[in-house]
N, C-alpha and C. Protein backbone atom coordinates (compact mmCIF):
# COMPACT_ATOMS: atom_id res chain seq x y z
N MET A 1 -23.34 -18.98 -3.77
CA MET A 1 -23.67 -18.03 -2.72
C MET A 1 -24.51 -16.89 -3.32
N LYS A 2 -25.55 -16.51 -2.60
CA LYS A 2 -26.37 -15.45 -3.03
C LYS A 2 -25.66 -14.10 -2.92
N ARG A 3 -25.69 -13.30 -3.95
CA ARG A 3 -25.05 -11.99 -3.90
C ARG A 3 -25.93 -11.01 -3.19
N ARG A 4 -25.38 -10.30 -2.25
CA ARG A 4 -26.12 -9.33 -1.47
C ARG A 4 -25.67 -7.90 -1.73
N GLY A 5 -24.79 -7.74 -2.65
CA GLY A 5 -24.32 -6.38 -2.96
C GLY A 5 -23.19 -5.94 -2.02
N HIS A 6 -22.66 -6.81 -1.21
CA HIS A 6 -21.58 -6.55 -0.29
C HIS A 6 -20.53 -7.62 -0.38
N PRO A 7 -19.80 -7.66 -1.50
CA PRO A 7 -18.86 -8.78 -1.72
C PRO A 7 -17.81 -8.88 -0.63
N GLU A 8 -17.30 -7.76 -0.11
CA GLU A 8 -16.29 -7.84 0.94
C GLU A 8 -16.86 -8.43 2.20
N ALA A 9 -18.07 -8.11 2.54
CA ALA A 9 -18.70 -8.69 3.73
C ALA A 9 -18.89 -10.19 3.58
N ASP A 10 -19.28 -10.63 2.36
CA ASP A 10 -19.46 -12.03 2.12
C ASP A 10 -18.11 -12.77 2.22
N ILE A 11 -17.07 -12.20 1.66
CA ILE A 11 -15.76 -12.80 1.74
C ILE A 11 -15.30 -12.87 3.20
N GLN A 12 -15.52 -11.78 3.93
CA GLN A 12 -15.09 -11.75 5.33
C GLN A 12 -15.82 -12.85 6.16
N ARG A 13 -17.11 -13.05 5.90
CA ARG A 13 -17.83 -14.10 6.62
C ARG A 13 -17.21 -15.46 6.31
N GLN A 14 -16.84 -15.72 5.07
CA GLN A 14 -16.21 -16.98 4.70
C GLN A 14 -14.88 -17.13 5.44
N ILE A 15 -14.10 -16.06 5.51
CA ILE A 15 -12.82 -16.13 6.19
C ILE A 15 -13.03 -16.40 7.68
N VAL A 16 -13.89 -15.66 8.29
CA VAL A 16 -14.14 -15.84 9.74
C VAL A 16 -14.61 -17.27 10.03
N ASN A 17 -15.60 -17.75 9.27
CA ASN A 17 -16.08 -19.10 9.51
C ASN A 17 -14.96 -20.14 9.28
N GLY A 18 -14.18 -19.99 8.21
CA GLY A 18 -13.13 -20.92 7.94
C GLY A 18 -12.02 -20.90 9.01
N LEU A 19 -11.60 -19.71 9.42
CA LEU A 19 -10.55 -19.63 10.44
C LEU A 19 -11.01 -20.12 11.79
N ARG A 20 -12.24 -19.78 12.16
CA ARG A 20 -12.76 -20.25 13.46
C ARG A 20 -12.74 -21.78 13.58
N ALA A 21 -12.93 -22.46 12.41
CA ALA A 21 -12.97 -23.89 12.41
C ALA A 21 -11.59 -24.51 12.59
N ILE A 22 -10.53 -23.80 12.28
CA ILE A 22 -9.19 -24.40 12.30
C ILE A 22 -8.20 -23.78 13.31
N LEU A 23 -8.57 -22.65 13.89
CA LEU A 23 -7.64 -22.04 14.85
C LEU A 23 -7.67 -22.73 16.18
N PRO A 24 -6.54 -22.77 16.88
CA PRO A 24 -6.46 -23.44 18.19
C PRO A 24 -7.33 -22.69 19.22
N ALA A 25 -7.70 -23.44 20.24
CA ALA A 25 -8.49 -22.85 21.34
C ALA A 25 -7.72 -21.64 21.90
N GLY A 26 -8.43 -20.63 22.23
CA GLY A 26 -7.81 -19.42 22.78
C GLY A 26 -7.41 -18.38 21.77
N ALA A 27 -7.42 -18.76 20.49
CA ALA A 27 -7.10 -17.76 19.45
C ALA A 27 -8.18 -16.69 19.43
N VAL A 28 -7.75 -15.45 19.25
CA VAL A 28 -8.69 -14.34 19.18
C VAL A 28 -8.76 -13.90 17.74
N LEU A 29 -9.95 -13.94 17.17
CA LEU A 29 -10.20 -13.45 15.80
C LEU A 29 -11.26 -12.39 15.97
N HIS A 30 -10.92 -11.15 15.73
CA HIS A 30 -11.81 -10.03 16.01
C HIS A 30 -12.06 -9.16 14.81
N HIS A 31 -13.31 -8.82 14.60
CA HIS A 31 -13.67 -7.85 13.54
C HIS A 31 -13.75 -6.49 14.18
N SER A 32 -13.07 -5.53 13.57
CA SER A 32 -13.11 -4.15 14.06
C SER A 32 -14.18 -3.39 13.29
N ALA A 33 -15.29 -3.18 13.94
CA ALA A 33 -16.37 -2.40 13.32
C ALA A 33 -16.00 -0.92 13.44
N ASN A 34 -15.17 -0.48 12.53
CA ASN A 34 -14.56 0.84 12.68
C ASN A 34 -15.13 1.92 11.79
N GLU A 35 -16.27 1.67 11.16
CA GLU A 35 -16.84 2.72 10.36
C GLU A 35 -18.36 2.57 10.29
N VAL A 36 -19.02 3.68 10.16
CA VAL A 36 -20.48 3.71 10.01
C VAL A 36 -20.75 3.82 8.50
N THR A 37 -21.45 2.84 7.95
CA THR A 37 -21.65 2.83 6.52
C THR A 37 -22.91 3.58 6.10
N ALA A 38 -23.80 3.85 7.01
CA ALA A 38 -25.00 4.58 6.66
C ALA A 38 -24.63 6.07 6.41
N GLY A 39 -25.48 6.77 5.72
CA GLY A 39 -25.21 8.19 5.42
C GLY A 39 -25.98 9.10 6.35
N GLY A 40 -25.84 10.34 6.10
CA GLY A 40 -26.64 11.33 6.84
C GLY A 40 -25.91 11.89 8.06
N GLU A 41 -26.56 12.86 8.65
CA GLU A 41 -25.99 13.57 9.80
C GLU A 41 -25.82 12.66 11.01
N ALA A 42 -26.79 11.80 11.25
CA ALA A 42 -26.68 10.88 12.40
C ALA A 42 -25.45 9.97 12.27
N ALA A 43 -25.19 9.49 11.05
CA ALA A 43 -24.03 8.64 10.82
C ALA A 43 -22.74 9.44 11.04
N ARG A 44 -22.71 10.66 10.58
CA ARG A 44 -21.51 11.47 10.77
C ARG A 44 -21.24 11.72 12.26
N ARG A 45 -22.31 11.94 13.02
CA ARG A 45 -22.16 12.16 14.45
C ARG A 45 -21.63 10.89 15.13
N THR A 46 -22.22 9.76 14.73
CA THR A 46 -21.79 8.49 15.32
C THR A 46 -20.31 8.19 15.00
N GLN A 47 -19.91 8.45 13.75
CA GLN A 47 -18.52 8.21 13.37
C GLN A 47 -17.60 9.14 14.16
N SER A 48 -18.00 10.36 14.39
CA SER A 48 -17.20 11.31 15.19
C SER A 48 -17.05 10.81 16.62
N ILE A 49 -18.13 10.30 17.19
CA ILE A 49 -18.09 9.76 18.54
C ILE A 49 -17.16 8.59 18.59
N LEU A 50 -17.24 7.67 17.62
CA LEU A 50 -16.37 6.49 17.60
C LEU A 50 -14.91 6.90 17.50
N ARG A 51 -14.59 7.87 16.66
CA ARG A 51 -13.18 8.33 16.58
C ARG A 51 -12.69 8.89 17.92
N GLY A 52 -13.59 9.65 18.58
CA GLY A 52 -13.24 10.22 19.87
C GLY A 52 -13.00 9.13 20.92
N MET A 53 -13.59 7.95 20.71
CA MET A 53 -13.45 6.85 21.64
C MET A 53 -12.29 5.92 21.27
N GLY A 54 -11.57 6.28 20.21
CA GLY A 54 -10.36 5.50 19.90
C GLY A 54 -10.39 4.72 18.58
N VAL A 55 -11.41 4.83 17.81
CA VAL A 55 -11.42 4.18 16.51
C VAL A 55 -10.33 4.79 15.65
N TRP A 56 -9.54 3.94 15.06
CA TRP A 56 -8.40 4.36 14.22
C TRP A 56 -8.83 4.30 12.75
N PRO A 57 -8.80 5.38 12.04
CA PRO A 57 -9.17 5.36 10.61
C PRO A 57 -8.31 4.36 9.83
N GLY A 58 -8.97 3.51 9.07
CA GLY A 58 -8.20 2.54 8.26
C GLY A 58 -7.83 1.26 8.98
N PHE A 59 -8.26 1.12 10.25
CA PHE A 59 -7.94 -0.12 10.98
C PHE A 59 -8.36 -1.34 10.18
N SER A 60 -7.61 -2.40 10.23
CA SER A 60 -7.90 -3.57 9.42
C SER A 60 -9.23 -4.20 9.80
N ASP A 61 -9.79 -4.95 8.86
CA ASP A 61 -11.09 -5.58 9.13
C ASP A 61 -11.03 -6.66 10.20
N LEU A 62 -9.95 -7.44 10.20
CA LEU A 62 -9.80 -8.52 11.15
C LEU A 62 -8.45 -8.42 11.87
N LEU A 63 -8.46 -8.83 13.13
CA LEU A 63 -7.24 -8.91 13.91
C LEU A 63 -7.18 -10.31 14.48
N LEU A 64 -6.08 -11.00 14.26
CA LEU A 64 -5.89 -12.35 14.79
C LEU A 64 -4.74 -12.33 15.78
N ILE A 65 -4.98 -12.85 16.96
CA ILE A 65 -4.00 -13.03 17.98
C ILE A 65 -4.01 -14.50 18.36
N SER A 66 -2.89 -15.16 18.21
CA SER A 66 -2.82 -16.60 18.51
C SER A 66 -1.41 -16.99 18.89
N GLU A 67 -1.28 -17.58 20.09
CA GLU A 67 -0.03 -18.13 20.55
C GLU A 67 1.13 -17.13 20.44
N GLY A 68 0.86 -15.90 20.83
CA GLY A 68 1.91 -14.88 20.83
C GLY A 68 2.16 -14.18 19.51
N ARG A 69 1.38 -14.50 18.52
CA ARG A 69 1.51 -13.89 17.19
C ARG A 69 0.31 -12.95 16.94
N VAL A 70 0.56 -11.94 16.16
CA VAL A 70 -0.50 -10.96 15.80
C VAL A 70 -0.50 -10.80 14.30
N LEU A 71 -1.70 -10.84 13.68
CA LEU A 71 -1.83 -10.63 12.24
C LEU A 71 -3.05 -9.74 11.98
N PHE A 72 -2.82 -8.69 11.21
CA PHE A 72 -3.88 -7.79 10.79
C PHE A 72 -4.27 -8.22 9.36
N LEU A 73 -5.58 -8.44 9.14
CA LEU A 73 -6.07 -8.82 7.84
C LEU A 73 -7.05 -7.79 7.28
N GLU A 74 -6.74 -7.25 6.13
CA GLU A 74 -7.65 -6.34 5.45
C GLU A 74 -8.33 -7.13 4.34
N VAL A 75 -9.64 -7.17 4.36
CA VAL A 75 -10.44 -7.97 3.42
C VAL A 75 -10.89 -7.05 2.25
N LYS A 76 -10.61 -7.47 1.06
CA LYS A 76 -11.06 -6.74 -0.14
C LYS A 76 -11.69 -7.73 -1.15
N SER A 77 -12.57 -7.20 -1.96
CA SER A 77 -13.10 -7.99 -3.06
C SER A 77 -11.99 -8.16 -4.11
N GLN A 78 -12.29 -8.87 -5.15
CA GLN A 78 -11.29 -9.06 -6.20
C GLN A 78 -10.82 -7.76 -6.84
N THR A 79 -11.68 -6.76 -6.85
CA THR A 79 -11.32 -5.47 -7.47
C THR A 79 -11.15 -4.35 -6.44
N GLY A 80 -11.35 -4.66 -5.17
CA GLY A 80 -11.27 -3.63 -4.13
C GLY A 80 -9.85 -3.13 -3.92
N ARG A 81 -9.73 -1.85 -3.56
CA ARG A 81 -8.43 -1.24 -3.29
C ARG A 81 -8.41 -0.62 -1.89
N GLN A 82 -7.27 -0.54 -1.30
CA GLN A 82 -7.13 0.11 0.01
C GLN A 82 -7.33 1.59 -0.11
N SER A 83 -7.92 2.16 0.92
CA SER A 83 -8.01 3.61 1.01
C SER A 83 -6.72 4.19 1.50
N ASP A 84 -6.57 5.47 1.43
CA ASP A 84 -5.36 6.13 1.95
C ASP A 84 -5.22 5.83 3.45
N ASP A 85 -6.34 5.88 4.20
CA ASP A 85 -6.29 5.59 5.63
C ASP A 85 -5.84 4.17 5.89
N GLN A 86 -6.25 3.20 5.07
CA GLN A 86 -5.87 1.82 5.22
C GLN A 86 -4.40 1.62 4.93
N ARG A 87 -3.88 2.29 3.93
CA ARG A 87 -2.43 2.20 3.63
C ARG A 87 -1.61 2.83 4.76
N ALA A 88 -2.10 3.92 5.32
CA ALA A 88 -1.40 4.57 6.44
C ALA A 88 -1.39 3.64 7.66
N PHE A 89 -2.55 3.00 7.91
CA PHE A 89 -2.61 2.05 9.04
C PHE A 89 -1.63 0.90 8.83
N GLN A 90 -1.60 0.35 7.61
CA GLN A 90 -0.69 -0.74 7.29
C GLN A 90 0.78 -0.30 7.59
N ALA A 91 1.11 0.88 7.12
CA ALA A 91 2.48 1.39 7.37
C ALA A 91 2.78 1.50 8.83
N ALA A 92 1.82 1.99 9.62
CA ALA A 92 2.02 2.16 11.07
C ALA A 92 2.21 0.79 11.74
N VAL A 93 1.44 -0.19 11.33
CA VAL A 93 1.52 -1.54 11.91
C VAL A 93 2.86 -2.19 11.58
N GLU A 94 3.22 -2.12 10.28
CA GLU A 94 4.49 -2.75 9.84
C GLU A 94 5.71 -2.04 10.41
N ALA A 95 5.61 -0.74 10.63
CA ALA A 95 6.75 -0.01 11.23
C ALA A 95 7.04 -0.47 12.64
N GLN A 96 6.02 -1.06 13.29
CA GLN A 96 6.18 -1.56 14.65
C GLN A 96 6.51 -3.04 14.68
N GLY A 97 6.73 -3.63 13.48
CA GLY A 97 7.13 -5.01 13.44
C GLY A 97 6.01 -6.03 13.38
N PHE A 98 4.77 -5.58 13.21
CA PHE A 98 3.64 -6.50 13.12
C PHE A 98 3.41 -6.83 11.64
N VAL A 99 2.63 -7.88 11.40
CA VAL A 99 2.32 -8.27 10.03
C VAL A 99 0.91 -7.92 9.66
N TYR A 100 0.78 -7.53 8.40
CA TYR A 100 -0.47 -7.06 7.80
C TYR A 100 -0.58 -7.69 6.44
N GLU A 101 -1.74 -8.25 6.14
CA GLU A 101 -1.94 -8.85 4.84
C GLU A 101 -3.30 -8.40 4.28
N LEU A 102 -3.29 -8.11 3.00
CA LEU A 102 -4.53 -7.82 2.25
C LEU A 102 -4.97 -9.16 1.69
N VAL A 103 -6.18 -9.57 1.99
CA VAL A 103 -6.67 -10.88 1.55
C VAL A 103 -7.98 -10.70 0.76
N ARG A 104 -8.18 -11.55 -0.23
CA ARG A 104 -9.36 -11.47 -1.09
C ARG A 104 -10.18 -12.76 -1.05
N SER A 105 -9.78 -13.74 -0.22
CA SER A 105 -10.47 -15.01 -0.14
C SER A 105 -10.00 -15.76 1.09
N LEU A 106 -10.72 -16.82 1.44
CA LEU A 106 -10.29 -17.68 2.51
C LEU A 106 -8.94 -18.28 2.19
N ASP A 107 -8.72 -18.68 0.96
CA ASP A 107 -7.41 -19.23 0.59
C ASP A 107 -6.27 -18.22 0.84
N ASP A 108 -6.53 -16.97 0.49
CA ASP A 108 -5.51 -15.91 0.81
C ASP A 108 -5.24 -15.83 2.31
N ALA A 109 -6.27 -15.90 3.11
CA ALA A 109 -6.13 -15.82 4.56
C ALA A 109 -5.35 -17.02 5.07
N LEU A 110 -5.62 -18.22 4.55
CA LEU A 110 -4.89 -19.42 4.94
C LEU A 110 -3.42 -19.32 4.57
N ARG A 111 -3.13 -18.77 3.38
CA ARG A 111 -1.75 -18.55 2.97
C ARG A 111 -1.05 -17.58 3.89
N ALA A 112 -1.78 -16.54 4.32
CA ALA A 112 -1.18 -15.56 5.24
C ALA A 112 -0.84 -16.21 6.58
N LEU A 113 -1.70 -17.06 7.08
CA LEU A 113 -1.42 -17.77 8.34
C LEU A 113 -0.16 -18.62 8.19
N ALA A 114 -0.12 -19.37 7.11
CA ALA A 114 1.05 -20.25 6.88
C ALA A 114 2.32 -19.43 6.72
N LYS A 115 2.26 -18.37 5.96
CA LYS A 115 3.41 -17.48 5.69
C LYS A 115 3.99 -16.93 6.99
N HIS A 116 3.14 -16.66 7.96
CA HIS A 116 3.58 -16.00 9.18
C HIS A 116 3.65 -16.97 10.40
N GLY A 117 3.59 -18.25 10.10
CA GLY A 117 3.83 -19.26 11.14
C GLY A 117 2.73 -19.50 12.12
N PHE A 118 1.49 -19.22 11.78
CA PHE A 118 0.38 -19.48 12.68
C PHE A 118 0.04 -20.96 12.67
N LYS A 119 -0.22 -21.48 13.82
CA LYS A 119 -0.59 -22.90 13.92
C LYS A 119 -2.12 -23.07 13.78
N THR A 120 -2.50 -24.21 13.29
CA THR A 120 -3.93 -24.54 13.15
C THR A 120 -4.16 -25.93 13.75
N LEU A 121 -5.42 -26.32 13.79
CA LEU A 121 -5.80 -27.66 14.29
C LEU A 121 -5.58 -28.74 13.26
N ILE A 122 -5.22 -28.39 12.05
CA ILE A 122 -5.04 -29.32 10.95
C ILE A 122 -3.63 -29.97 11.06
N LYS A 123 -3.58 -31.25 11.25
CA LYS A 123 -2.27 -31.95 11.37
C LYS A 123 -1.51 -31.90 10.05
N GLY A 124 -0.21 -31.60 10.16
CA GLY A 124 0.66 -31.56 8.97
C GLY A 124 0.28 -30.40 8.00
N TRP A 125 -0.30 -29.36 8.57
CA TRP A 125 -0.82 -28.25 7.75
C TRP A 125 0.30 -27.37 7.24
N SER A 126 0.25 -27.07 5.98
CA SER A 126 1.08 -26.04 5.38
C SER A 126 0.54 -25.79 3.98
N LEU A 127 0.81 -24.62 3.47
CA LEU A 127 0.37 -24.27 2.11
C LEU A 127 1.58 -24.02 1.26
């Protein structure tokens, strides 16, 4: 794979493509575009507007809803670490009984699905 300088974005694309191929019909896999990565005053204004419209700081990169189950996935590179906002979001989600996983690869995401009982289109699937 060609390196583009955005390893987390590349990993997330792999996860999304892999999960879309195996999740049952009707499953919702959503990316939360919750931050503006450009700099400058325009970006700060845009981020402020987004927060005013309900963007939650630290919201996970991916949200999966399937057959009554909900899973929040935070995508990181092999060396990436959660921000304080991301740790606070994880704590808020888990305090309400939902599941949150930090994943660094498609294999990690597949293990998270299996761990939390998500069904796939693969017969006899388990990790």
